[in-house]
């Protein structure tokens, strides 16, 4: 089974309110087997554009990655994020070579 990934880039306007989103997303991420591979670490943008925070989240399958995003629990967390940030999220199937 091919793993699934979220690749997220976000600019945060209100970090205190954004942290409520971070707390709220923990339950759906646990439910769907998410594991952070990258979480807002140091980076350099060598080409193109960037945002201030970057994340890569691994899921046990592409289907689990999609199901997590579409779940009522994650959508409730996302509703906390939307008013205080601007971002991009790509859900992508892993490569098994």
PDB file of N, CA and C in Angstrom:
ATOM      1  N   UNK A   1       0.847  -1.184   0.000  1.00  0.00           N
ATOM      2  CA  UNK A   1       0.000   0.000   0.000  1.00  0.00           C
ATOM      3  C   UNK A   1       0.887   1.241   0.000  1.00  0.00           C
ATOM      4  N   UNK A   2       0.611   2.166  -0.881  1.00  0.00           N
ATOM      5  CA  UNK A   2       1.393   3.394  -0.990  1.00  0.00           C
ATOM      6  C   UNK A   2       0.987   4.388   0.092  1.00  0.00           C
ATOM      7  N   UNK A   3       1.981   4.972   0.735  1.00  0.00           N
ATOM      8  CA  UNK A   3       1.706   5.981   1.756  1.00  0.00           C
ATOM      9  C   UNK A   3       1.162   7.243   1.101  1.00  0.00           C
ATOM     10  N   UNK A   4       0.522   8.074   1.914  1.00  0.00           N
ATOM     11  CA  UNK A   4       0.033   9.372   1.465  1.00  0.00           C
ATOM     12  C   UNK A   4       0.688  10.470   2.281  1.00  0.00           C
ATOM     13  N   UNK A   5       0.766  11.646   1.698  1.00  0.00           N
ATOM     14  CA  UNK A   5       1.436  12.765   2.354  1.00  0.00           C
ATOM     15  C   UNK A   5       0.634  14.040   2.184  1.00  0.00           C
ATOM     16  N   UNK A   6       0.672  14.867   3.211  1.00  0.00           N
ATOM     17  CA  UNK A   6       0.225  16.250   3.086  1.00  0.00           C
ATOM     18  C   UNK A   6       1.489  17.086   3.012  1.00  0.00           C
ATOM     19  N   UNK A   7       1.521  17.993   2.063  1.00  0.00           N
ATOM     20  CA  UNK A   7       2.576  18.999   1.994  1.00  0.00           C
ATOM     21  C   UNK A   7       1.876  20.332   2.189  1.00  0.00           C
ATOM     22  N   UNK A   8       2.217  21.002   3.273  1.00  0.00           N
ATOM     23  CA  UNK A   8       1.555  22.252   3.602  1.00  0.00           C
ATOM     24  C   UNK A   8       2.547  23.395   3.738  1.00  0.00           C
ATOM     25  N   UNK A   9       2.111  24.550   3.279  1.00  0.00           N
ATOM     26  CA  UNK A   9       2.892  25.782   3.430  1.00  0.00           C
ATOM     27  C   UNK A   9       1.922  26.832   3.940  1.00  0.00           C
ATOM     28  N   UNK A  10       2.295  27.562   4.975  1.00  0.00           N
ATOM     29  CA  UNK A  10       1.341  28.497   5.579  1.00  0.00           C
ATOM     30  C   UNK A  10       2.044  29.746   6.109  1.00  0.00           C
ATOM     31  N   UNK A  11       1.356  30.857   5.962  1.00  0.00           N
ATOM     32  CA  UNK A  11       1.733  32.112   6.618  1.00  0.00           C
ATOM     33  C   UNK A  11       0.702  32.351   7.715  1.00  0.00           C
ATOM     34  N   UNK A  12       1.169  32.598   8.914  1.00  0.00           N
ATOM     35  CA  UNK A  12       0.301  32.754  10.078  1.00  0.00           C
ATOM     36  C   UNK A  12       0.238  34.225  10.473  1.00  0.00           C
ATOM     37  N   UNK A  13      -0.995  34.733  10.594  1.00  0.00           N
ATOM     38  CA  UNK A  13      -1.169  36.129  11.003  1.00  0.00           C
ATOM     39  C   UNK A  13      -1.336  36.288  12.511  1.00  0.00           C
ATOM     40  N   UNK A  14      -1.855  35.263  13.203  1.00  0.00           N
ATOM     41  CA  UNK A  14      -2.085  35.322  14.649  1.00  0.00           C
ATOM     42  C   UNK A  14      -1.667  33.978  15.248  1.00  0.00           C
ATOM     43  N   UNK A  15      -0.453  33.919  15.767  1.00  0.00           N
ATOM     44  CA  UNK A  15       0.098  32.644  16.240  1.00  0.00           C
ATOM     45  C   UNK A  15      -0.681  32.084  17.424  1.00  0.00           C
ATOM     46  N   UNK A  16      -1.199  32.935  18.306  1.00  0.00           N
ATOM     47  CA  UNK A  16      -1.950  32.433  19.458  1.00  0.00           C
ATOM     48  C   UNK A  16      -3.220  31.707  19.011  1.00  0.00           C
ATOM     49  N   UNK A  17      -3.940  32.276  18.095  1.00  0.00           N
ATOM     50  CA  UNK A  17      -5.146  31.611  17.576  1.00  0.00           C
ATOM     51  C   UNK A  17      -4.779  30.408  16.717  1.00  0.00           C
ATOM     52  N   UNK A  18      -3.676  30.472  16.000  1.00  0.00           N
ATOM     53  CA  UNK A  18      -3.222  29.349  15.186  1.00  0.00           C
ATOM     54  C   UNK A  18      -2.902  28.137  16.059  1.00  0.00           C
ATOM     55  N   UNK A  19      -2.376  28.373  17.251  1.00  0.00           N
ATOM     56  CA  UNK A  19      -2.047  27.275  18.147  1.00  0.00           C
ATOM     57  C   UNK A  19      -3.298  26.517  18.597  1.00  0.00           C
ATOM     58  N   UNK A  20      -4.464  27.148  18.568  1.00  0.00           N
ATOM     59  CA  UNK A  20      -5.724  26.443  18.840  1.00  0.00           C
ATOM     60  C   UNK A  20      -5.984  25.422  17.731  1.00  0.00           C
ATOM     61  N   UNK A  21      -5.660  25.770  16.503  1.00  0.00           N
ATOM     62  CA  UNK A  21      -5.759  24.824  15.389  1.00  0.00           C
ATOM     63  C   UNK A  21      -4.805  23.652  15.605  1.00  0.00           C
ATOM     64  N   UNK A  22      -3.574  23.941  16.000  1.00  0.00           N
ATOM     65  CA  UNK A  22      -2.582  22.893  16.236  1.00  0.00           C
ATOM     66  C   UNK A  22      -3.094  21.917  17.297  1.00  0.00           C
ATOM     67  N   UNK A  23      -3.674  22.430  18.373  1.00  0.00           N
ATOM     68  CA  UNK A  23      -4.218  21.559  19.419  1.00  0.00           C
ATOM     69  C   UNK A  23      -5.394  20.741  18.891  1.00  0.00           C
ATOM     70  N   UNK A  24      -6.235  21.355  18.075  1.00  0.00           N
ATOM     71  CA  UNK A  24      -7.436  20.679  17.574  1.00  0.00           C
ATOM     72  C   UNK A  24      -7.130  19.635  16.510  1.00  0.00           C
ATOM     73  N   UNK A  25      -6.034  19.778  15.792  1.00  0.00           N
ATOM     74  CA  UNK A  25      -5.752  18.800  14.734  1.00  0.00           C
ATOM     75  C   UNK A  25      -5.110  17.517  15.266  1.00  0.00           C
ATOM     76  N   UNK A  26      -4.697  17.510  16.518  1.00  0.00           N
ATOM     77  CA  UNK A  26      -4.020  16.335  17.083  1.00  0.00           C
ATOM     78  C   UNK A  26      -4.905  15.091  17.055  1.00  0.00           C
ATOM     79  N   UNK A  27      -6.175  15.219  17.390  1.00  0.00           N
ATOM     80  CA  UNK A  27      -7.072  14.050  17.437  1.00  0.00           C
ATOM     81  C   UNK A  27      -7.298  13.443  16.053  1.00  0.00           C
ATOM     82  N   UNK A  28      -7.651  14.237  15.028  1.00  0.00           N
ATOM     83  CA  UNK A  28      -7.830  13.602  13.723  1.00  0.00           C
ATOM     84  C   UNK A  28      -6.514  13.050  13.160  1.00  0.00           C
ATOM     85  N   UNK A  29      -5.403  13.706  13.416  1.00  0.00           N
ATOM     86  CA  UNK A  29      -4.128  13.175  12.939  1.00  0.00           C
ATOM     87  C   UNK A  29      -3.843  11.823  13.594  1.00  0.00           C
ATOM     88  N   UNK A  30      -4.085  11.697  14.876  1.00  0.00           N
ATOM     89  CA  UNK A  30      -3.878  10.422  15.557  1.00  0.00           C
ATOM     90  C   UNK A  30      -4.827   9.354  15.013  1.00  0.00           C
ATOM     91  N   UNK A  31      -6.070   9.725  14.808  1.00  0.00           N
ATOM     92  CA  UNK A  31      -7.075   8.782  14.310  1.00  0.00           C
ATOM     93  C   UNK A  31      -6.684   8.187  12.961  1.00  0.00           C
ATOM     94  N   UNK A  32      -6.077   8.991  12.096  1.00  0.00           N
ATOM     95  CA  UNK A  32      -5.738   8.547  10.751  1.00  0.00           C
ATOM     96  C   UNK A  32      -4.265   8.152  10.588  1.00  0.00           C
ATOM     97  N   UNK A  33      -3.537   8.041  11.692  1.00  0.00           N
ATOM     98  CA  UNK A  33      -2.172   7.526  11.649  1.00  0.00           C
ATOM     99  C   UNK A  33      -1.140   8.485  11.097  1.00  0.00           C
ATOM    100  N   UNK A  34      -1.361   9.789  11.259  1.00  0.00           N
ATOM    101  CA  UNK A  34      -0.437  10.793  10.722  1.00  0.00           C
ATOM    102  C   UNK A  34       0.852  10.846  11.536  1.00  0.00           C
ATOM    103  N   UNK A  35       1.931  11.156  10.826  1.00  0.00           N
ATOM    104  CA  UNK A  35       3.239  11.331  11.459  1.00  0.00           C
ATOM    105  C   UNK A  35       3.930  12.511  10.784  1.00  0.00           C
ATOM    106  N   UNK A  36       4.330  13.497  11.585  1.00  0.00           N
ATOM    107  CA  UNK A  36       5.029  14.659  11.038  1.00  0.00           C
ATOM    108  C   UNK A  36       6.446  14.273  10.647  1.00  0.00           C
ATOM    109  N   UNK A  37       6.813  14.571   9.409  1.00  0.00           N
ATOM    110  CA  UNK A  37       8.189  14.411   8.945  1.00  0.00           C
ATOM    111  C   UNK A  37       8.908  15.749   8.952  1.00  0.00           C
ATOM    112  N   UNK A  38       8.172  16.817   8.678  1.00  0.00           N
ATOM    113  CA  UNK A  38       8.688  18.191   8.699  1.00  0.00           C
ATOM    114  C   UNK A  38       7.640  19.029   9.406  1.00  0.00           C
ATOM    115  N   UNK A  39       8.098  19.867  10.335  1.00  0.00           N
ATOM    116  CA  UNK A  39       7.148  20.715  11.057  1.00  0.00           C
ATOM    117  C   UNK A  39       7.797  22.055  11.391  1.00  0.00           C
ATOM    118  N   UNK A  40       7.712  22.980  10.421  1.00  0.00           N
ATOM    119  CA  UNK A  40       8.129  24.371  10.623  1.00  0.00           C
ATOM    120  C   UNK A  40       9.599  24.529  10.984  1.00  0.00           C
ATOM    121  N   UNK A  41      10.461  23.696  10.437  1.00  0.00           N
ATOM    122  CA  UNK A  41      11.888  23.815  10.707  1.00  0.00           C
ATOM    123  C   UNK A  41      12.550  24.895   9.864  1.00  0.00           C
ATOM    124  N   UNK A  42      13.825  25.042  10.088  1.00  0.00           N
ATOM    125  CA  UNK A  42      14.627  26.001   9.322  1.00  0.00           C
ATOM    126  C   UNK A  42      14.617  25.596   7.852  1.00  0.00           C
ATOM    127  N   UNK A  43      14.544  26.582   6.958  1.00  0.00           N
ATOM    128  CA  UNK A  43      14.551  26.277   5.526  1.00  0.00           C
ATOM    129  C   UNK A  43      15.107  27.443   4.744  1.00  0.00           C
ATOM    130  N   UNK A  44      15.497  27.159   3.514  1.00  0.00           N
ATOM    131  CA  UNK A  44      15.886  28.172   2.532  1.00  0.00           C
ATOM    132  C   UNK A  44      15.081  27.925   1.277  1.00  0.00           C
ATOM    133  N   UNK A  45      14.485  28.960   0.748  1.00  0.00           N
ATOM    134  CA  UNK A  45      13.763  28.855  -0.515  1.00  0.00           C
ATOM    135  C   UNK A  45      14.763  29.154  -1.634  1.00  0.00           C
ATOM    136  N   UNK A  46      15.140  28.133  -2.363  1.00  0.00           N
ATOM    137  CA  UNK A  46      16.144  28.283  -3.416  1.00  0.00           C
ATOM    138  C   UNK A  46      15.533  28.625  -4.768  1.00  0.00           C
ATOM    139  N   UNK A  47      14.258  28.303  -4.956  1.00  0.00           N
ATOM    140  CA  UNK A  47      13.557  28.627  -6.208  1.00  0.00           C
ATOM    141  C   UNK A  47      12.092  28.888  -5.898  1.00  0.00           C
ATOM    142  N   UNK A  48      11.467  29.699  -6.706  1.00  0.00           N
ATOM    143  CA  UNK A  48      10.035  29.937  -6.559  1.00  0.00           C
ATOM    144  C   UNK A  48       9.701  30.782  -5.348  1.00  0.00           C
ATOM    145  N   UNK A  49       8.541  30.506  -4.779  1.00  0.00           N
ATOM    146  CA  UNK A  49       8.060  31.274  -3.630  1.00  0.00           C
ATOM    147  C   UNK A  49       7.971  30.366  -2.410  1.00  0.00           C
ATOM    148  N   UNK A  50       7.835  30.976  -1.257  1.00  0.00           N
ATOM    149  CA  UNK A  50       7.708  30.199  -0.030  1.00  0.00           C
ATOM    150  C   UNK A  50       6.728  30.882   0.908  1.00  0.00           C
ATOM    151  N   UNK A  51       6.398  30.180   1.964  1.00  0.00           N
ATOM    152  CA  UNK A  51       5.617  30.720   3.074  1.00  0.00           C
ATOM    153  C   UNK A  51       6.447  30.515   4.337  1.00  0.00           C
ATOM    154  N   UNK A  52       6.016  31.113   5.431  1.00  0.00           N
ATOM    155  CA  UNK A  52       6.842  31.120   6.639  1.00  0.00           C
ATOM    156  C   UNK A  52       6.919  29.772   7.355  1.00  0.00           C
ATOM    157  N   UNK A  53       5.904  28.915   7.205  1.00  0.00           N
ATOM    158  CA  UNK A  53       5.900  27.598   7.856  1.00  0.00           C
ATOM    159  C   UNK A  53       5.667  26.524   6.808  1.00  0.00           C
ATOM    160  N   UNK A  54       6.353  25.396   6.955  1.00  0.00           N
ATOM    161  CA  UNK A  54       6.213  24.271   6.045  1.00  0.00           C
ATOM    162  C   UNK A  54       6.030  23.000   6.855  1.00  0.00           C
ATOM    163  N   UNK A  55       5.154  22.103   6.369  1.00  0.00           N
ATOM    164  CA  UNK A  55       4.962  20.814   7.025  1.00  0.00           C
ATOM    165  C   UNK A  55       4.868  19.719   5.968  1.00  0.00           C
ATOM    166  N   UNK A  56       5.354  18.545   6.340  1.00  0.00           N
ATOM    167  CA  UNK A  56       5.137  17.327   5.561  1.00  0.00           C
ATOM    168  C   UNK A  56       4.639  16.298   6.564  1.00  0.00           C
ATOM    169  N   UNK A  57       3.453  15.751   6.289  1.00  0.00           N
ATOM    170  CA  UNK A  57       2.825  14.788   7.186  1.00  0.00           C
ATOM    171  C   UNK A  57       2.627  13.490   6.416  1.00  0.00           C
ATOM    172  N   UNK A  58       3.093  12.394   6.999  1.00  0.00           N
ATOM    173  CA  UNK A  58       2.980  11.076   6.375  1.00  0.00           C
ATOM    174  C   UNK A  58       1.778  10.334   6.956  1.00  0.00           C
ATOM    175  N   UNK A  59       1.029   9.670   6.083  1.00  0.00           N
ATOM    176  CA  UNK A  59      -0.103   8.833   6.469  1.00  0.00           C
ATOM    177  C   UNK A  59       0.165   7.410   5.994  1.00  0.00           C
ATOM    178  N   UNK A  60      -0.449   6.418   6.617  1.00  0.00           N
ATOM    179  CA  UNK A  60      -0.204   5.037   6.218  1.00  0.00           C
ATOM    180  C   UNK A  60      -0.644   4.729   4.788  1.00  0.00           C
ATOM    181  N   UNK A  61      -1.542   5.542   4.224  1.00  0.00           N
ATOM    182  CA  UNK A  61      -2.002   5.341   2.847  1.00  0.00           C
ATOM    183  C   UNK A  61      -2.501   6.667   2.282  1.00  0.00           C
ATOM    184  N   UNK A  62      -2.557   6.717   0.972  1.00  0.00           N
ATOM    185  CA  UNK A  62      -3.130   7.891   0.294  1.00  0.00           C
ATOM    186  C   UNK A  62      -4.590   8.057   0.697  1.00  0.00           C
ATOM    187  N   UNK A  63      -5.322   6.938   0.792  1.00  0.00           N
ATOM    188  CA  UNK A  63      -6.735   6.989   1.193  1.00  0.00           C
ATOM    189  C   UNK A  63      -6.881   7.579   2.592  1.00  0.00           C
ATOM    190  N   UNK A  64      -5.990   7.228   3.525  1.00  0.00           N
ATOM    191  CA  UNK A  64      -6.048   7.779   4.879  1.00  0.00           C
ATOM    192  C   UNK A  64      -5.759   9.274   4.874  1.00  0.00           C
ATOM    193  N   UNK A  65      -4.838   9.707   4.022  1.00  0.00           N
ATOM    194  CA  UNK A  65      -4.521  11.142   3.923  1.00  0.00           C
ATOM    195  C   UNK A  65      -5.743  11.929   3.449  1.00  0.00           C
ATOM    196  N   UNK A  66      -6.437  11.403   2.455  1.00  0.00           N
ATOM    197  CA  UNK A  66      -7.651  12.061   1.959  1.00  0.00           C
ATOM    198  C   UNK A  66      -8.761  12.023   3.003  1.00  0.00           C
ATOM    199  N   UNK A  67      -8.940  10.869   3.638  1.00  0.00           N
ATOM    200  CA  UNK A  67     -10.008  10.714   4.624  1.00  0.00           C
ATOM    201  C   UNK A  67      -9.802  11.636   5.815  1.00  0.00           C
ATOM    202  N   UNK A  68      -8.570  11.815   6.244  1.00  0.00           N
ATOM    203  CA  UNK A  68      -8.289  12.727   7.356  1.00  0.00           C
ATOM    204  C   UNK A  68      -8.711  14.143   6.999  1.00  0.00           C
ATOM    205  N   UNK A  69      -8.287  14.599   5.826  1.00  0.00           N
ATOM    206  CA  UNK A  69      -8.636  15.970   5.418  1.00  0.00           C
ATOM    207  C   UNK A  69     -10.144  16.157   5.350  1.00  0.00           C
ATOM    208  N   UNK A  70     -10.849  15.178   4.842  1.00  0.00           N
ATOM    209  CA  UNK A  70     -12.294  15.281   4.658  1.00  0.00           C
ATOM    210  C   UNK A  70     -13.100  15.010   5.924  1.00  0.00           C
ATOM    211  N   UNK A  71     -12.448  14.536   6.982  1.00  0.00           N
ATOM    212  CA  UNK A  71     -13.166  14.163   8.199  1.00  0.00           C
ATOM    213  C   UNK A  71     -13.768  15.389   8.889  1.00  0.00           C
ATOM    214  N   UNK A  72     -14.904  15.191   9.546  1.00  0.00           N
ATOM    215  CA  UNK A  72     -15.502  16.305  10.306  1.00  0.00           C
ATOM    216  C   UNK A  72     -14.559  16.850  11.376  1.00  0.00           C
ATOM    217  N   UNK A  73     -13.747  15.963  11.992  1.00  0.00           N
ATOM    218  CA  UNK A  73     -12.827  16.412  13.038  1.00  0.00           C
ATOM    219  C   UNK A  73     -11.768  17.354  12.470  1.00  0.00           C
ATOM    220  N   UNK A  74     -11.196  17.002  11.321  1.00  0.00           N
ATOM    221  CA  UNK A  74     -10.183  17.884  10.753  1.00  0.00           C
ATOM    222  C   UNK A  74     -10.820  19.169  10.221  1.00  0.00           C
ATOM    223  N   UNK A  75     -11.966  19.066   9.616  1.00  0.00           N
ATOM    224  CA  UNK A  75     -12.626  20.269   9.093  1.00  0.00           C
ATOM    225  C   UNK A  75     -12.956  21.253  10.217  1.00  0.00           C
ATOM    226  N   UNK A  76     -13.286  20.735  11.409  1.00  0.00           N
ATOM    227  CA  UNK A  76     -13.513  21.615  12.566  1.00  0.00           C
ATOM    228  C   UNK A  76     -12.213  22.304  12.970  1.00  0.00           C
ATOM    229  N   UNK A  77     -11.103  21.567  12.948  1.00  0.00           N
ATOM    230  CA  UNK A  77      -9.801  22.173  13.258  1.00  0.00           C
ATOM    231  C   UNK A  77      -9.438  23.209  12.202  1.00  0.00           C
ATOM    232  N   UNK A  78      -9.645  22.862  10.944  1.00  0.00           N
ATOM    233  CA  UNK A  78      -9.335  23.771   9.829  1.00  0.00           C
ATOM    234  C   UNK A  78     -10.097  25.084   9.953  1.00  0.00           C
ATOM    235  N   UNK A  79     -11.317  25.020  10.458  1.00  0.00           N
ATOM    236  CA  UNK A  79     -12.117  26.238  10.639  1.00  0.00           C
ATOM    237  C   UNK A  79     -11.456  27.199  11.621  1.00  0.00           C
ATOM    238  N   UNK A  80     -10.642  26.687  12.533  1.00  0.00           N
ATOM    239  CA  UNK A  80      -9.880  27.538  13.454  1.00  0.00           C
ATOM    240  C   UNK A  80      -8.685  28.172  12.750  1.00  0.00           C
ATOM    241  N   UNK A  81      -8.118  27.466  11.787  1.00  0.00           N
ATOM    242  CA  UNK A  81      -6.927  27.937  11.067  1.00  0.00           C
ATOM    243  C   UNK A  81      -7.259  28.989  10.021  1.00  0.00           C
ATOM    244  N   UNK A  82      -8.334  28.779   9.298  1.00  0.00           N
ATOM    245  CA  UNK A  82      -8.637  29.605   8.131  1.00  0.00           C
ATOM    246  C   UNK A  82      -8.654  31.119   8.386  1.00  0.00           C
ATOM    247  N   UNK A  83      -9.262  31.607   9.478  1.00  0.00           N
ATOM    248  CA  UNK A  83      -9.308  33.064   9.653  1.00  0.00           C
ATOM    249  C   UNK A  83      -7.970  33.708  10.019  1.00  0.00           C
ATOM    250  N   UNK A  84      -6.986  32.899  10.440  1.00  0.00           N
ATOM    251  CA  UNK A  84      -5.737  33.477  10.952  1.00  0.00           C
ATOM    252  C   UNK A  84      -4.509  33.080  10.149  1.00  0.00           C
ATOM    253  N   UNK A  85      -4.735  32.468   8.969  1.00  0.00           N
ATOM    254  CA  UNK A  85      -3.582  32.062   8.166  1.00  0.00           C
ATOM    255  C   UNK A  85      -3.966  31.960   6.699  1.00  0.00           C
ATOM    256  N   UNK A  86      -2.935  31.945   5.864  1.00  0.00           N
ATOM    257  CA  UNK A  86      -3.086  31.718   4.431  1.00  0.00           C
ATOM    258  C   UNK A  86      -2.142  30.585   4.074  1.00  0.00           C
ATOM    259  N   UNK A  87      -2.654  29.603   3.361  1.00  0.00           N
ATOM    260  CA  UNK A  87      -1.779  28.478   3.089  1.00  0.00           C
ATOM    261  C   UNK A  87      -2.148  27.674   1.867  1.00  0.00           C
ATOM    262  N   UNK A  88      -1.325  26.678   1.624  1.00  0.00           N
ATOM    263  CA  UNK A  88      -1.494  25.736   0.528  1.00  0.00           C
ATOM    264  C   UNK A  88      -1.331  24.339   1.113  1.00  0.00           C
ATOM    265  N   UNK A  89      -2.208  23.422   0.722  1.00  0.00           N
ATOM    266  CA  UNK A  89      -2.081  22.023   1.138  1.00  0.00           C
ATOM    267  C   UNK A  89      -2.217  21.156  -0.110  1.00  0.00           C
ATOM    268  N   UNK A  90      -1.240  20.292  -0.310  1.00  0.00           N
ATOM    269  CA  UNK A  90      -1.271  19.318  -1.399  1.00  0.00           C
ATOM    270  C   UNK A  90      -1.303  17.943  -0.738  1.00  0.00           C
ATOM    271  N   UNK A  91      -2.217  17.090  -1.177  1.00  0.00           N
ATOM    272  CA  UNK A  91      -2.259  15.715  -0.703  1.00  0.00           C
ATOM    273  C   UNK A  91      -1.775  14.861  -1.860  1.00  0.00           C
ATOM    274  N   UNK A  92      -0.731  14.077  -1.587  1.00  0.00           N
ATOM    275  CA  UNK A  92      -0.039  13.392  -2.687  1.00  0.00           C
ATOM    276  C   UNK A  92       0.245  11.931  -2.313  1.00  0.00           C
ATOM    277  N   UNK A  93       0.185  11.083  -3.299  1.00  0.00           N
ATOM    278  CA  UNK A  93       0.503   9.683  -3.118  1.00  0.00           C
ATOM    279  C   UNK A  93       2.019   9.504  -3.108  1.00  0.00           C
ATOM    280  N   UNK A  94       2.502   8.655  -2.216  1.00  0.00           N
ATOM    281  CA  UNK A  94       3.935   8.382  -2.129  1.00  0.00           C
ATOM    282  C   UNK A  94       4.427   7.579  -3.332  1.00  0.00           C
ATOM    283  N   UNK A  95       5.730   7.483  -3.412  1.00  0.00           N
ATOM    284  CA  UNK A  95       6.396   6.775  -4.513  1.00  0.00           C
ATOM    285  C   UNK A  95       7.077   5.537  -3.947  1.00  0.00           C
ATOM    286  N   UNK A  96       6.827   4.396  -4.537  1.00  0.00           N
ATOM    287  CA  UNK A  96       7.418   3.159  -4.053  1.00  0.00           C
ATOM    288  C   UNK A  96       8.611   2.690  -4.878  1.00  0.00           C
ATOM    289  N   UNK A  97       9.002   3.475  -5.863  1.00  0.00           N
ATOM    290  CA  UNK A  97      10.180   3.190  -6.643  1.00  0.00           C
ATOM    291  C   UNK A  97      10.153   1.878  -7.327  1.00  0.00           C
TER     292      UNK A  97
END
